[in-house]
Amino acid sequence: MEPMDYSGFFSEDVGSFFRSPVREIFKRVDLGSIYSFAGGYPSADTFPLDRMAPLAARVVEKYGAKALQYGGTQGVPELRQVLSDRYGVPLENIQVTTSSQQGIDVCTRILADPGDVVLTACPTYLGALQSFRSYRAEVCSFPLRPAFAQACREAVRSLRAGGRKVAFLYLIPDFQNPSGETLSLEERREIVAMAREEGILIVEDSPYRELRYEGEDIPSLYSLAPERVLHLGSFSKIFAPGLRLGWIFGPPALLDAIYVCKQSLDLCPPVFDQYLAAEFMGSGALDANLRKTVALYRGKRDLMLSLLEANMPAGVRWTHPEGGLFLWLTLPEGFDSVAFYETALSAGVAYVAGSFFGAGANTMRLNFSFMTEDRIRKGLLLLSDLIRQAI
């Protein structure tokens, strides 16, 4: 039978989708067979496996059949209350989501029409770019430094003068994905002042905020401007990504639009998983587990930085992240990290080319959370040798 051509059946949105290079890597190779600096996977050593069976038993005993039933679209009250207690946010300002990726998606869905503009940093999170483009929004990006707020202000005024709508500003202020950079308090205040002056909303993506390894905590954009910020959080990096749970803090009027939107997507976040998260976070087990996670990742980050210093050839630069899961390499001008990728993967090491995050071809993102220290050491030595040969 002749293969059927389905192209005429697709919506116009399908042409705006693009594949994640990270997910394509995982389709091609077994992660255990290569040195993978590519994904944003947490270390399995951070998963509280010894607690999961008693935690699940406690959920069943405490909540019974309710834990297996449909729940409210906003999230179960118990989890929303725990989030409220932990972060000091009123219940009416909290929406639970099925992952923080869904948070990005629903914010874009309710705020952006095709042709609208989303402002963001360059580089920025690949999954966010996928979401923006799937709704046919245009992305306008600027380097975080210098003068990001001023660049946004000028862009907003220029776009509006041309009859264009700015949907919102998307940022990852803490330990940014992919660069690892963190905005200072002064920079956050400048961004908030710009947003208020120009009348735009901010979507603050903050899945790494509790993974700080040095320095002092900095107030979130949401805490500085709760009336115009939608703050996205996640259990994926601090508990377990397989639960697919996140949250949004924001003004009730915006959350109400998200509430209605979510009803057409998934009705409610996974109920049993929400009760697991509520018990884990509310009992203090999350904080205990976070302390171990932070110590583990701090050691891996420090190892990665020392190996880069000792082994990378001259002309290669990298960021020094205060937290999170990633650091960012900038190679000499003319280096093409997309073209180099097949060479690296054939040799057994993977990364993500910076161009997928909207940056130059001479950049790449490296993850330090996933592999063991021994594999980080061997993989980085291999990558350093390959880069030295290439430049």
Protein backbone atom coordinates (compact mmCIF):
# COMPACT_ATOMS: atom_id res chain seq x y z
CA MET A 1 0.00 0.00 0.00
CA GLU A 2 1.25 3.48 -0.88
CA PRO A 3 2.15 5.59 2.17
CA MET A 4 -0.61 8.11 2.83
CA ASP A 5 0.16 11.84 2.70
CA TYR A 6 -1.30 13.44 5.82
CA SER A 7 0.10 16.95 5.29
CA GLY A 8 -3.24 18.35 4.16
CA PHE A 9 -4.84 17.42 7.48
CA PHE A 10 -2.56 19.42 9.75
CA SER A 11 -3.46 22.76 11.33
CA GLU A 12 -1.40 25.87 10.61
CA ASP A 13 0.11 25.61 14.10
CA VAL A 14 1.93 22.37 13.22
CA GLY A 15 4.27 24.25 10.93
CA SER A 16 5.41 26.31 13.92
CA PHE A 17 6.46 23.31 16.01
CA PHE A 18 10.14 22.37 16.16
CA ARG A 19 11.84 19.35 17.66
CA SER A 20 13.89 19.54 20.82
CA PRO A 21 17.49 18.61 20.01
CA VAL A 22 17.83 17.18 23.52
CA ARG A 23 14.89 14.82 23.03
CA GLU A 24 16.26 13.81 19.63
CA ILE A 25 19.56 12.85 21.28
CA PHE A 26 17.70 10.61 23.71
CA LYS A 27 15.93 8.89 20.81
CA ARG A 28 19.22 8.15 19.10
CA VAL A 29 21.41 6.92 21.92
CA ASP A 30 21.27 5.22 25.31
CA LEU A 31 22.24 7.82 27.91
CA GLY A 32 24.19 5.19 29.82
CA SER A 33 26.41 4.51 26.79
CA ILE A 34 27.70 8.09 26.35
CA TYR A 35 28.95 10.97 28.44
CA SER A 36 25.86 13.18 28.36
CA PHE A 37 26.18 16.84 29.29
CA ALA A 38 23.11 17.47 27.14
CA GLY A 39 19.93 17.13 29.20
CA GLY A 40 18.68 18.93 32.27
CA TYR A 41 18.09 15.67 34.14
CA PRO A 42 18.47 15.71 37.93
CA SER A 43 20.73 13.08 39.44
CA ALA A 44 18.83 9.94 40.40
CA ASP A 45 20.83 10.09 43.65
CA THR A 46 18.62 13.02 44.70
CA PHE A 47 15.38 11.03 44.42
CA PRO A 48 14.07 10.03 47.87
CA LEU A 49 13.50 6.40 46.91
CA ASP A 50 13.59 5.15 50.48
CA ARG A 51 10.73 7.49 51.39
CA MET A 52 8.42 6.84 48.45
CA ALA A 53 6.78 3.59 49.62
CA PRO A 54 5.92 4.86 53.12
CA LEU A 55 4.93 8.22 51.61
CA ALA A 56 2.53 6.54 49.16
CA ALA A 57 1.13 4.39 51.97
CA ARG A 58 0.54 7.49 54.09
CA VAL A 59 -1.28 9.20 51.21
CA VAL A 60 -3.58 6.17 50.76
CA GLU A 61 -4.22 5.91 54.50
CA LYS A 62 -4.81 9.63 54.98
CA TYR A 63 -6.78 10.51 51.85
CA GLY A 64 -8.24 7.17 50.75
CA ALA A 65 -10.18 7.10 47.49
CA LYS A 66 -9.91 10.89 47.22
CA ALA A 67 -6.27 10.44 46.19
CA LEU A 68 -7.35 8.41 43.14
CA GLN A 69 -10.29 10.61 42.11
CA TYR A 70 -10.44 13.69 39.87
CA GLY A 71 -9.44 16.85 41.68
CA GLY A 72 -9.99 20.59 41.35
CA THR A 73 -8.45 22.36 38.36
CA GLN A 74 -6.61 24.77 40.68
CA GLY A 75 -4.94 21.86 42.48
CA VAL A 76 -5.82 20.01 45.67
CA PRO A 77 -6.30 22.37 48.65
CA GLU A 78 -3.69 20.52 50.73
CA LEU A 79 -0.88 21.17 48.25
CA ARG A 80 -1.92 24.76 47.65
CA GLN A 81 -1.90 25.32 51.41
CA VAL A 82 1.58 23.84 51.79
CA LEU A 83 2.84 26.07 48.96
CA SER A 84 1.15 29.07 50.59
CA ASP A 85 2.78 28.32 53.95
CA ARG A 86 6.23 27.76 52.46
CA TYR A 87 6.38 30.77 50.16
CA GLY A 88 4.07 33.22 51.94
CA VAL A 89 1.69 33.55 48.99
CA PRO A 90 -2.12 33.78 49.48
CA LEU A 91 -4.10 30.72 48.40
CA GLU A 92 -6.01 32.70 45.77
CA ASN A 93 -2.69 33.51 44.10
CA ILE A 94 -1.70 29.84 43.61
CA GLN A 95 -2.44 27.53 40.66
CA VAL A 96 -0.95 24.02 40.52
CA THR A 97 0.17 22.89 37.06
CA THR A 98 1.08 19.65 35.37
CA SER A 99 4.79 20.59 35.22
CA SER A 100 6.28 24.06 34.93
CA GLN A 101 6.52 23.46 31.18
CA GLN A 102 2.73 23.55 31.17
CA GLY A 103 3.02 26.81 33.11
CA ILE A 104 4.97 28.34 30.24
CA ASP A 105 2.49 26.94 27.76
CA VAL A 106 -0.69 28.19 29.48
CA CYS A 107 0.80 31.64 30.09
CA THR A 108 1.60 31.90 26.39
CA ARG A 109 -1.79 30.48 25.45
CA ILE A 110 -3.74 33.11 27.42
CA LEU A 111 -1.49 36.10 26.65
CA ALA A 112 -0.15 35.76 23.10
CA ASP A 113 -1.92 35.83 19.75
CA PRO A 114 -0.21 34.84 16.47
CA GLY A 115 2.13 37.65 15.49
CA ASP A 116 2.48 39.07 19.02
CA VAL A 117 5.98 39.55 20.41
CA VAL A 118 7.50 37.84 23.45
CA LEU A 119 10.57 39.57 24.88
CA THR A 120 13.25 37.40 26.44
CA ALA A 121 16.96 37.03 27.13
CA CYS A 122 19.47 35.72 24.63
CA PRO A 123 20.15 32.85 25.16
CA THR A 124 17.01 31.45 26.77
CA TYR A 125 15.30 28.15 27.60
CA LEU A 126 14.67 25.98 24.55
CA GLY A 127 11.33 24.64 25.86
CA ALA A 128 10.02 28.19 26.21
CA LEU A 129 11.02 29.00 22.63
CA GLN A 130 9.16 25.88 21.49
CA SER A 131 6.03 27.04 23.29
CA PHE A 132 6.18 30.63 21.99
CA ARG A 133 6.64 29.53 18.41
CA SER A 134 3.94 26.86 18.63
CA TYR A 135 1.46 29.71 19.19
CA ARG A 136 3.07 31.63 16.32
CA ALA A 137 4.40 34.39 18.56
CA GLU A 138 7.55 36.21 17.50
CA VAL A 139 10.54 36.17 19.84
CA CYS A 140 12.62 39.31 20.39
CA SER A 141 15.68 38.67 22.56
CA PHE A 142 18.56 40.64 24.07
CA PRO A 143 21.69 39.73 26.07
CA LEU A 144 21.13 39.95 29.83
CA ARG A 145 24.12 42.28 30.07
CA PRO A 146 24.62 45.11 29.63
CA ALA A 147 21.40 47.14 30.01
CA PHE A 148 18.77 44.42 29.43
CA ALA A 149 15.94 46.54 30.88
CA GLN A 150 16.80 49.48 28.64
CA ALA A 151 16.92 47.25 25.56
CA CYS A 152 13.46 45.92 26.44
CA ARG A 153 12.10 49.43 26.98
CA GLU A 154 13.33 50.56 23.57
CA ALA A 155 11.93 47.42 21.94
CA VAL A 156 8.49 47.87 23.51
CA ARG A 157 8.26 51.47 22.32
CA SER A 158 9.50 50.63 18.84
CA LEU A 159 7.14 47.67 18.46
CA ARG A 160 4.12 49.62 19.65
CA ALA A 161 4.96 52.49 17.34
CA GLY A 162 4.78 49.94 14.53
CA GLY A 163 1.40 48.67 15.69
CA ARG A 164 2.74 45.48 17.28
CA LYS A 165 1.61 43.99 20.61
CA VAL A 166 4.12 42.83 23.24
CA ALA A 167 2.55 39.77 24.90
CA PHE A 168 4.94 39.58 27.87
CA LEU A 169 8.56 39.42 29.01
CA TYR A 170 9.86 35.92 29.81
CA LEU A 171 12.86 35.55 32.14
CA ILE A 172 14.71 32.99 34.26
CA PRO A 173 16.32 35.28 36.87
CA ASP A 174 17.98 32.57 38.99
CA PHE A 175 20.72 30.33 37.52
CA GLN A 176 19.39 30.79 34.03
CA ASN A 177 18.91 27.93 31.60
CA PRO A 178 21.12 27.71 29.59
CA SER A 179 23.72 30.24 30.74
CA GLY A 180 23.71 29.74 34.52
CA GLU A 181 23.59 33.52 35.05
CA THR A 182 21.70 35.17 37.91
CA LEU A 183 20.22 38.66 37.85
CA SER A 184 21.29 41.01 40.65
CA LEU A 185 18.74 42.79 42.82
CA GLU A 186 19.51 46.06 41.04
CA GLU A 187 18.91 44.43 37.65
CA ARG A 188 15.61 42.95 38.87
CA ARG A 189 14.46 46.34 40.13
CA GLU A 190 15.32 47.91 36.78
CA ILE A 191 13.33 45.24 34.94
CA VAL A 192 10.32 45.68 37.25
CA ALA A 193 10.46 49.47 36.86
CA MET A 194 10.57 49.09 33.08
CA ALA A 195 7.61 46.68 33.11
CA ARG A 196 5.53 49.08 35.20
CA GLU A 197 6.45 52.10 33.10
CA GLU A 198 5.72 50.34 29.82
CA GLY A 199 2.67 48.42 31.07
CA ILE A 200 3.85 44.88 30.29
CA LEU A 201 3.57 41.58 32.15
CA ILE A 202 6.47 39.34 33.21
CA VAL A 203 6.54 35.53 33.21
CA GLU A 204 9.22 34.53 35.73
CA ASP A 205 10.38 30.94 35.23
CA SER A 206 12.03 29.77 38.45
CA PRO A 207 12.58 25.99 38.56
CA TYR A 208 16.14 26.25 39.93
CA ARG A 209 15.67 28.93 42.59
CA GLU A 210 16.21 26.59 45.58
CA LEU A 211 19.37 25.07 44.10
CA ARG A 212 21.80 27.76 45.27
CA TYR A 213 25.41 26.71 46.04
CA GLU A 214 26.97 30.06 46.95
CA GLY A 215 25.95 33.68 47.54
CA GLU A 216 22.80 35.14 49.06
CA ASP A 217 19.21 34.63 47.98
CA ILE A 218 17.83 37.49 45.88
CA PRO A 219 14.14 38.51 45.96
CA SER A 220 12.10 37.11 43.09
CA LEU A 221 10.56 39.34 40.46
CA TYR A 222 7.18 38.21 41.80
CA SER A 223 7.99 39.51 45.27
CA LEU A 224 8.99 42.86 43.74
CA ALA A 225 5.92 43.21 41.51
CA PRO A 226 3.19 40.71 42.40
CA GLU A 227 0.60 42.67 40.41
CA ARG A 228 2.30 42.03 37.06
CA VAL A 229 4.36 38.84 37.44
CA LEU A 230 3.37 35.22 36.83
CA HIS A 231 5.92 33.17 38.77
CA LEU A 232 6.48 29.55 37.69
CA GLY A 233 7.85 26.93 40.10
CA SER A 234 8.50 23.21 39.77
CA PHE A 235 8.91 20.02 41.79
CA SER A 236 10.99 18.50 38.97
CA LYS A 237 14.37 19.71 40.20
CA ILE A 238 13.67 19.61 43.94
CA PHE A 239 11.65 16.38 44.30
CA ALA A 240 11.13 14.20 41.21
CA PRO A 241 10.51 15.15 37.56
CA GLY A 242 8.40 12.05 36.97
CA LEU A 243 5.62 13.52 39.12
CA ARG A 244 5.13 16.29 36.51
CA LEU A 245 4.07 18.93 39.00
CA GLY A 246 4.61 22.67 39.10
CA TRP A 247 2.84 25.83 40.21
CA ILE A 248 2.07 29.40 39.22
CA PHE A 249 1.91 32.38 41.59
CA GLY A 250 0.11 35.37 40.16
CA PRO A 251 -2.75 37.88 40.32
CA PRO A 252 -6.12 36.09 40.71
CA ALA A 253 -7.54 37.69 37.55
CA LEU A 254 -4.74 36.17 35.45
CA LEU A 255 -4.92 32.84 37.26
CA ASP A 256 -8.65 32.68 36.54
CA ALA A 257 -7.94 32.75 32.79
CA ILE A 258 -5.33 30.01 33.29
CA TYR A 259 -7.86 28.03 35.37
CA VAL A 260 -10.36 28.04 32.51
CA CYS A 261 -7.62 27.28 29.97
CA LYS A 262 -6.41 24.27 31.96
CA GLN A 263 -9.89 22.80 32.01
CA SER A 264 -9.59 22.22 28.26
CA LEU A 265 -6.10 20.72 28.61
CA ASP A 266 -6.01 18.22 31.48
CA LEU A 267 -8.99 19.00 33.78
CA CYS A 268 -6.69 18.83 36.81
CA PRO A 269 -3.06 18.11 37.74
CA PRO A 270 -2.34 14.47 38.76
CA VAL A 271 -4.09 14.10 42.10
CA PHE A 272 -2.12 11.28 43.72
CA ASP A 273 1.14 13.05 42.82
CA GLN A 274 -0.15 16.26 44.40
CA TYR A 275 -0.83 14.50 47.70
CA LEU A 276 2.65 12.94 47.58
CA ALA A 277 4.16 16.41 47.08
CA ALA A 278 1.99 17.94 49.81
CA GLU A 279 3.06 15.30 52.35
CA PHE A 280 6.72 15.43 51.28
CA MET A 281 6.95 19.22 51.40
CA GLY A 282 4.72 19.71 54.44
CA SER A 283 6.54 17.14 56.60
CA GLY A 284 9.94 18.80 56.23
CA ALA A 285 11.29 15.92 54.14
CA LEU A 286 11.76 18.22 51.15
CA ASP A 287 14.10 20.51 53.07
CA ALA A 288 16.17 17.58 54.32
CA ASN A 289 16.40 16.18 50.81
CA LEU A 290 17.26 19.61 49.39
CA ARG A 291 20.24 19.94 51.73
CA LYS A 292 21.68 16.69 50.36
CA THR A 293 20.86 17.71 46.78
CA VAL A 294 22.56 21.09 47.12
CA ALA A 295 25.70 19.52 48.60
CA LEU A 296 25.84 16.94 45.80
CA TYR A 297 25.38 19.46 43.01
CA ARG A 298 27.79 21.97 44.55
CA GLY A 299 30.49 19.30 44.43
CA LYS A 300 29.71 18.46 40.82
CA ARG A 301 29.71 22.11 39.79
CA ASP A 302 33.04 22.70 41.49
CA LEU A 303 34.49 19.62 39.83
CA MET A 304 33.28 20.77 36.42
CA LEU A 305 34.77 24.24 36.89
CA SER A 306 38.14 22.85 38.00
CA LEU A 307 38.25 20.44 35.05
CA LEU A 308 37.43 23.22 32.59
CA GLU A 309 40.19 25.36 34.06
CA ALA A 310 42.72 22.53 33.84
CA ASN A 311 41.83 21.08 30.45
CA MET A 312 40.07 23.45 28.08
CA PRO A 313 42.29 25.04 25.44
CA ALA A 314 43.03 28.76 25.37
CA GLY A 315 40.25 30.88 23.90
CA VAL A 316 37.40 28.96 25.57
CA ARG A 317 35.39 30.80 28.25
CA TRP A 318 32.63 29.64 30.60
CA THR A 319 30.22 30.96 33.21
CA HIS A 320 30.51 30.36 36.95
CA PRO A 321 26.92 29.63 38.04
CA GLU A 322 25.98 30.26 41.66
CA GLY A 323 23.40 27.48 41.42
CA GLY A 324 21.19 25.54 39.03
CA LEU A 325 22.22 22.75 36.70
CA PHE A 326 24.11 24.33 33.81
CA LEU A 327 27.11 26.29 32.69
CA TRP A 328 27.74 27.95 29.35
CA LEU A 329 30.77 27.67 27.12
CA THR A 330 31.82 30.31 24.61
CA LEU A 331 34.38 29.09 22.08
CA PRO A 332 36.52 31.10 19.64
CA GLU A 333 34.76 32.92 16.79
CA GLY A 334 34.26 30.64 13.83
CA PHE A 335 33.68 27.51 15.89
CA ASP A 336 30.41 25.82 14.86
CA SER A 337 29.02 23.77 17.73
CA VAL A 338 26.22 22.38 15.53
CA ALA A 339 28.64 21.05 12.93
CA PHE A 340 30.96 19.78 15.69
CA TYR A 341 28.15 17.88 17.36
CA GLU A 342 28.33 14.75 15.19
CA THR A 343 32.07 14.53 15.85
CA ALA A 344 31.49 14.72 19.58
CA LEU A 345 28.58 12.27 19.63
CA SER A 346 30.49 9.76 17.49
CA ALA A 347 33.27 9.92 20.08
CA GLY A 348 30.76 9.33 22.88
CA VAL A 349 30.05 12.76 24.38
CA ALA A 350 26.93 14.95 24.06
CA TYR A 351 26.10 18.62 24.73
CA VAL A 352 23.51 21.08 23.37
CA ALA A 353 24.60 23.63 20.79
CA GLY A 354 23.99 27.23 21.83
CA SER A 355 22.17 28.13 18.62
CA PHE A 356 19.15 26.12 19.78
CA PHE A 357 18.79 28.65 22.62
CA GLY A 358 19.00 31.59 20.23
CA ALA A 359 22.73 32.21 20.76
CA GLY A 360 25.77 32.16 18.51
CA ALA A 361 27.16 29.06 16.82
CA ASN A 362 30.32 29.24 18.97
CA THR A 363 28.47 28.43 22.21
CA MET A 364 27.23 25.30 24.00
CA ARG A 365 25.41 24.31 27.17
CA LEU A 366 26.82 21.74 29.58
CA ASN A 367 24.87 20.07 32.39
CA PHE A 368 26.64 18.93 35.57
CA SER A 369 23.79 17.39 37.60
CA PHE A 370 23.08 14.14 35.77
CA MET A 371 26.29 12.13 35.58
CA THR A 372 28.44 10.79 38.40
CA GLU A 373 31.63 12.67 39.23
CA ASP A 374 33.71 9.92 37.61
CA ARG A 375 31.76 10.19 34.36
CA ILE A 376 31.88 14.00 34.49
CA ARG A 377 35.67 13.75 34.76
CA LYS A 378 36.06 11.30 31.88
CA GLY A 379 33.50 13.05 29.69
CA LEU A 380 34.98 16.51 30.14
CA LEU A 381 38.50 15.28 29.42
CA LEU A 382 37.19 13.74 26.20
CA LEU A 383 35.27 16.88 25.21
CA SER A 384 38.28 19.08 25.95
CA ASP A 385 40.51 16.93 23.73
CA LEU A 386 37.98 17.01 20.89
CA ILE A 387 37.63 20.79 21.10
CA ARG A 388 41.41 21.23 21.22
CA GLN A 389 41.72 19.19 18.02
CA ALA A 390 38.92 21.16 16.35
CA ILE A 391 40.29 24.65 17.04
